[in-house]
Amino acid sequence: MTDRHYNPALAARLRTLVDGRQGASLTRWLSTLSHSQFRTAGYMLGEDLMPRLPVNDFWLLATELVRYHPKAFLVTVLRSWVSRRPAVLLPFTLSSQPTDASLLFFQSLRGRAEDVRKAFLFLLPHLSTPSDIEALQQVLGVIGPTFRIHSYLQALTPASAYLLVRTLHEVEDDRALLIRISYHLIRQGGNLGFNLASLLRTLHGLDEVKGSFSLRLQPYQLSHLLSDYEAFRKAVTL
């Protein structure tokens, strides 16, 4: 395990290239390594070297690495970012300037469906507010309700649950889908799943959905919950 996670010769070369901001030279050198050396180099980059970089340099190097080998480095660089600053996960907002290196990194993923899916699903559980999630959706170009609904269900948090309920309004004519999602939430279990199923049952009149629900809402309460995230969060996490 130690051999796979650290190699002094590789570490020295990596440090020279990273400290020298030689992203192109780094990717060329990585392409010459054996499979085991490549895995060790990737681990050291993500766990040790990249977290030490200034923010702008971090995202410039991340862009080089993911452009070179997205399958190997996309999750590596995202995990590295999350581990280094858990309190400020998204380094951009909806008002970010296009020249910001982090914004350019996420924009570079657009058009590559698998990379967009991986990035969105990896970061989704770490985002604490609906506005953070919507900012990520905008920069990645995530627009289709089917993709968003599927993602919210995979990474269900109060913030993604709020957007799930709002997004389901876009497909509310598909009653069979709403029922399937309600039962999926019930099977998922926990207060959040059951409370969401109860909310959907009331919101869409899904009398077919049966269950023992502790959250009981009156129709007049729904508009307030759907327009106020904090009220929604408190209600579904009771």
Protein backbone atom coordinates (compact mmCIF):
# COMPACT_ATOMS: atom_id res chain seq x y z
CA MET A 1 0.00 0.00 0.00
CA THR A 2 2.81 2.42 0.90
CA ASP A 3 4.58 1.69 -2.39
CA ARG A 4 1.40 2.48 -4.31
CA HIS A 5 0.87 5.76 -2.44
CA TYR A 6 4.41 7.13 -2.33
CA ASN A 7 7.56 6.88 -4.39
CA PRO A 8 10.41 9.28 -3.56
CA ALA A 9 11.77 9.44 -7.12
CA LEU A 10 8.33 10.14 -8.56
CA ALA A 11 7.63 12.63 -5.79
CA ALA A 12 10.75 14.63 -6.58
CA ARG A 13 9.93 14.85 -10.28
CA LEU A 14 6.29 15.69 -9.62
CA ARG A 15 7.25 18.44 -7.18
CA THR A 16 9.58 20.02 -9.73
CA LEU A 17 6.93 20.04 -12.44
CA VAL A 18 4.09 21.18 -10.18
CA ASP A 19 6.10 23.87 -8.41
CA GLY A 20 7.32 25.09 -11.79
CA ARG A 21 3.73 25.31 -13.09
CA GLN A 22 4.71 23.06 -16.01
CA GLY A 23 1.36 21.45 -16.69
CA ALA A 24 2.09 20.45 -20.29
CA SER A 25 5.43 18.91 -19.33
CA LEU A 26 3.75 17.09 -16.46
CA THR A 27 1.18 15.38 -18.67
CA ARG A 28 3.86 14.39 -21.20
CA TRP A 29 5.92 12.86 -18.40
CA LEU A 30 2.92 11.05 -16.93
CA SER A 31 2.34 9.36 -20.30
CA THR A 32 5.76 7.67 -20.01
CA LEU A 33 5.03 5.98 -16.67
CA SER A 34 4.05 2.38 -16.09
CA HIS A 35 0.53 1.64 -14.91
CA SER A 36 1.57 1.29 -11.26
CA GLN A 37 3.73 4.41 -11.38
CA PHE A 38 0.88 6.34 -12.97
CA ARG A 39 -1.49 5.36 -10.16
CA THR A 40 1.07 6.36 -7.53
CA ALA A 41 1.68 9.69 -9.25
CA GLY A 42 -2.05 10.37 -9.39
CA TYR A 43 -2.43 9.63 -5.70
CA MET A 44 0.44 11.95 -4.75
CA LEU A 45 -0.90 14.73 -6.96
CA GLY A 46 -4.37 14.59 -5.47
CA GLU A 47 -3.46 13.96 -1.85
CA ASP A 48 -0.27 15.94 -1.38
CA LEU A 49 0.83 18.31 -4.13
CA MET A 50 -2.35 19.87 -5.52
CA PRO A 51 -3.89 20.81 -2.14
CA ARG A 52 -0.86 23.04 -1.51
CA LEU A 53 -1.32 25.10 -4.66
CA PRO A 54 -2.88 28.57 -4.69
CA VAL A 55 -6.47 28.47 -5.91
CA ASN A 56 -5.85 29.77 -9.42
CA ASP A 57 -2.88 27.46 -9.96
CA PHE A 58 -4.89 24.52 -8.63
CA TRP A 59 -7.61 24.94 -11.27
CA LEU A 60 -5.16 25.61 -14.10
CA LEU A 61 -3.38 22.33 -13.31
CA ALA A 62 -6.71 20.53 -12.84
CA THR A 63 -7.75 21.64 -16.34
CA GLU A 64 -4.49 20.31 -17.83
CA LEU A 65 -4.81 16.96 -16.06
CA VAL A 66 -8.46 16.38 -16.93
CA ARG A 67 -7.93 17.42 -20.54
CA TYR A 68 -5.09 14.87 -20.71
CA HIS A 69 -6.86 11.94 -18.99
CA PRO A 70 -10.38 12.65 -17.67
CA LYS A 71 -11.04 9.10 -16.52
CA ALA A 72 -7.97 9.11 -14.29
CA PHE A 73 -8.02 12.67 -12.99
CA LEU A 74 -11.53 14.16 -12.90
CA VAL A 75 -12.60 12.63 -9.59
CA THR A 76 -9.03 12.94 -8.28
CA VAL A 77 -8.95 16.73 -8.65
CA LEU A 78 -12.51 17.18 -7.36
CA ARG A 79 -11.74 15.07 -4.30
CA SER A 80 -8.57 17.08 -3.78
CA TRP A 81 -10.55 20.32 -3.89
CA VAL A 82 -13.25 19.11 -1.48
CA SER A 83 -10.65 17.87 1.00
CA ARG A 84 -8.74 21.14 1.08
CA ARG A 85 -11.56 23.60 1.67
CA PRO A 86 -14.75 21.92 2.87
CA ALA A 87 -16.33 25.22 3.88
CA VAL A 88 -16.06 26.83 0.43
CA LEU A 89 -16.72 24.08 -2.05
CA LEU A 90 -17.58 26.08 -5.14
CA PRO A 91 -14.98 28.70 -6.00
CA PHE A 92 -17.39 30.50 -8.32
CA THR A 93 -20.90 31.91 -8.19
CA LEU A 94 -23.44 32.80 -10.83
CA SER A 95 -21.69 36.16 -11.16
CA SER A 96 -18.18 34.76 -11.69
CA GLN A 97 -16.12 36.27 -14.44
CA PRO A 98 -15.31 34.04 -17.46
CA THR A 99 -11.58 34.55 -16.85
CA ASP A 100 -11.71 32.77 -13.50
CA ALA A 101 -9.67 29.56 -13.77
CA SER A 102 -12.14 27.52 -11.75
CA LEU A 103 -15.06 28.60 -13.90
CA LEU A 104 -13.11 27.72 -17.03
CA PHE A 105 -12.33 24.28 -15.59
CA PHE A 106 -16.02 23.43 -15.16
CA GLN A 107 -16.97 24.99 -18.47
CA SER A 108 -14.35 22.79 -20.17
CA LEU A 109 -16.38 19.72 -19.17
CA ARG A 110 -19.43 20.85 -21.14
CA GLY A 111 -20.32 18.63 -24.05
CA ARG A 112 -18.70 15.57 -22.43
CA ALA A 113 -21.75 13.92 -20.93
CA GLU A 114 -19.92 11.35 -18.81
CA ASP A 115 -17.58 13.96 -17.30
CA VAL A 116 -20.49 16.28 -16.55
CA ARG A 117 -22.35 13.41 -14.87
CA LYS A 118 -19.35 12.42 -12.76
CA ALA A 119 -18.56 15.98 -11.68
CA PHE A 120 -22.15 16.81 -10.82
CA LEU A 121 -22.80 13.60 -8.86
CA PHE A 122 -19.50 13.87 -6.99
CA LEU A 123 -20.05 17.45 -5.85
CA LEU A 124 -23.81 17.31 -5.28
CA PRO A 125 -23.68 15.76 -1.76
CA HIS A 126 -21.21 18.43 -0.66
CA LEU A 127 -23.33 21.44 -1.64
CA SER A 128 -25.40 22.79 1.23
CA THR A 129 -27.81 25.15 -0.51
CA PRO A 130 -30.03 25.00 -3.61
CA SER A 131 -28.31 28.11 -4.97
CA ASP A 132 -24.92 26.34 -4.85
CA ILE A 133 -26.38 23.41 -6.79
CA GLU A 134 -27.98 25.72 -9.34
CA ALA A 135 -24.68 27.55 -9.80
CA LEU A 136 -22.96 24.25 -10.59
CA GLN A 137 -25.78 23.25 -12.94
CA GLN A 138 -25.45 26.49 -14.83
CA VAL A 139 -21.71 26.31 -15.31
CA LEU A 140 -21.87 22.65 -16.37
CA GLY A 141 -24.82 23.23 -18.67
CA VAL A 142 -27.07 20.78 -16.80
CA ILE A 143 -30.52 21.67 -18.12
CA GLY A 144 -32.64 18.57 -18.74
CA PRO A 145 -35.15 17.61 -16.02
CA THR A 146 -34.54 13.88 -16.47
CA PHE A 147 -30.83 14.19 -15.68
CA ARG A 148 -31.48 16.52 -12.75
CA ILE A 149 -34.17 14.30 -11.22
CA HIS A 150 -32.00 11.19 -11.53
CA SER A 151 -29.06 13.01 -9.94
CA TYR A 152 -31.05 14.44 -7.04
CA LEU A 153 -32.37 10.97 -6.23
CA GLN A 154 -28.86 9.50 -6.25
CA ALA A 155 -27.44 12.16 -3.95
CA LEU A 156 -30.42 13.02 -1.78
CA THR A 157 -29.80 15.86 0.67
CA PRO A 158 -32.20 18.55 1.90
CA ALA A 159 -30.84 20.93 -0.76
CA SER A 160 -31.15 18.46 -3.63
CA ALA A 161 -34.56 17.33 -2.30
CA TYR A 162 -35.82 20.91 -2.52
CA LEU A 163 -34.76 21.12 -6.17
CA LEU A 164 -36.17 17.64 -6.82
CA VAL A 165 -39.64 18.71 -5.69
CA ARG A 166 -39.46 21.89 -7.75
CA THR A 167 -38.15 20.04 -10.83
CA LEU A 168 -40.94 17.46 -10.65
CA HIS A 169 -43.35 20.26 -11.53
CA GLU A 170 -41.78 20.13 -15.01
CA VAL A 171 -42.96 16.54 -15.43
CA GLU A 172 -46.12 16.63 -13.31
CA ASP A 173 -48.23 15.30 -16.19
CA ASP A 174 -46.36 12.00 -15.89
CA ARG A 175 -48.31 10.60 -12.96
CA ALA A 176 -46.73 7.15 -13.25
CA LEU A 177 -43.27 8.72 -12.87
CA LEU A 178 -44.34 10.64 -9.78
CA ILE A 179 -45.69 7.48 -8.20
CA ARG A 180 -42.51 5.52 -8.99
CA ILE A 181 -40.37 8.27 -7.47
CA SER A 182 -42.55 8.38 -4.36
CA TYR A 183 -42.15 4.65 -3.78
CA HIS A 184 -38.41 4.92 -4.51
CA LEU A 185 -38.18 7.50 -1.72
CA ILE A 186 -40.13 5.27 0.66
CA ARG A 187 -37.84 2.30 -0.09
CA GLN A 188 -34.82 4.53 0.43
CA GLY A 189 -36.04 5.02 3.98
CA GLY A 190 -35.11 7.57 6.59
CA ASN A 191 -37.03 10.66 7.60
CA LEU A 192 -36.03 12.55 4.47
CA GLY A 193 -37.28 9.87 2.09
CA PHE A 194 -40.59 9.31 3.87
CA ASN A 195 -41.24 13.03 4.34
CA LEU A 196 -40.57 13.74 0.68
CA ALA A 197 -42.90 10.95 -0.39
CA SER A 198 -45.59 12.41 1.87
CA LEU A 199 -45.03 15.88 0.43
CA LEU A 200 -45.28 14.60 -3.14
CA ARG A 201 -48.43 12.65 -2.28
CA THR A 202 -50.11 15.81 -1.01
CA LEU A 203 -48.69 18.12 -3.68
CA HIS A 204 -49.73 15.97 -6.65
CA GLY A 205 -52.74 14.18 -5.18
CA LEU A 206 -51.10 10.77 -5.34
CA ASP A 207 -53.66 8.85 -3.34
CA GLU A 208 -52.26 5.61 -4.77
CA VAL A 209 -49.09 6.07 -2.69
CA LYS A 210 -49.59 4.25 0.60
CA GLY A 211 -47.41 4.52 3.68
CA SER A 212 -47.17 5.52 7.32
CA PHE A 213 -46.17 9.16 7.10
CA SER A 214 -45.28 11.29 10.09
CA LEU A 215 -45.23 14.47 7.98
CA ARG A 216 -48.77 15.55 7.26
CA LEU A 217 -49.25 18.72 5.27
CA GLN A 218 -52.29 20.73 4.35
CA PRO A 219 -52.49 22.09 0.78
CA TYR A 220 -52.28 25.68 2.03
CA GLN A 221 -48.82 24.94 3.52
CA LEU A 222 -47.28 23.77 0.25
CA SER A 223 -46.68 27.10 -1.48
CA HIS A 224 -44.73 28.38 1.53
CA LEU A 225 -42.51 25.28 1.62
CA LEU A 226 -41.80 25.48 -2.11
CA SER A 227 -40.80 29.15 -1.94
CA ASP A 228 -38.78 29.08 1.29
CA TYR A 229 -35.88 26.63 1.44
CA GLU A 230 -35.33 26.96 5.18
CA ALA A 231 -38.97 26.18 5.89
CA PHE A 232 -38.74 23.20 3.51
CA ARG A 233 -35.54 21.93 5.11
CA LYS A 234 -37.00 22.06 8.60
CA ALA A 235 -40.17 20.29 7.50
CA VAL A 236 -38.54 17.37 5.67
CA THR A 237 -35.77 16.71 8.20
CA LEU A 238 -37.99 16.46 11.29
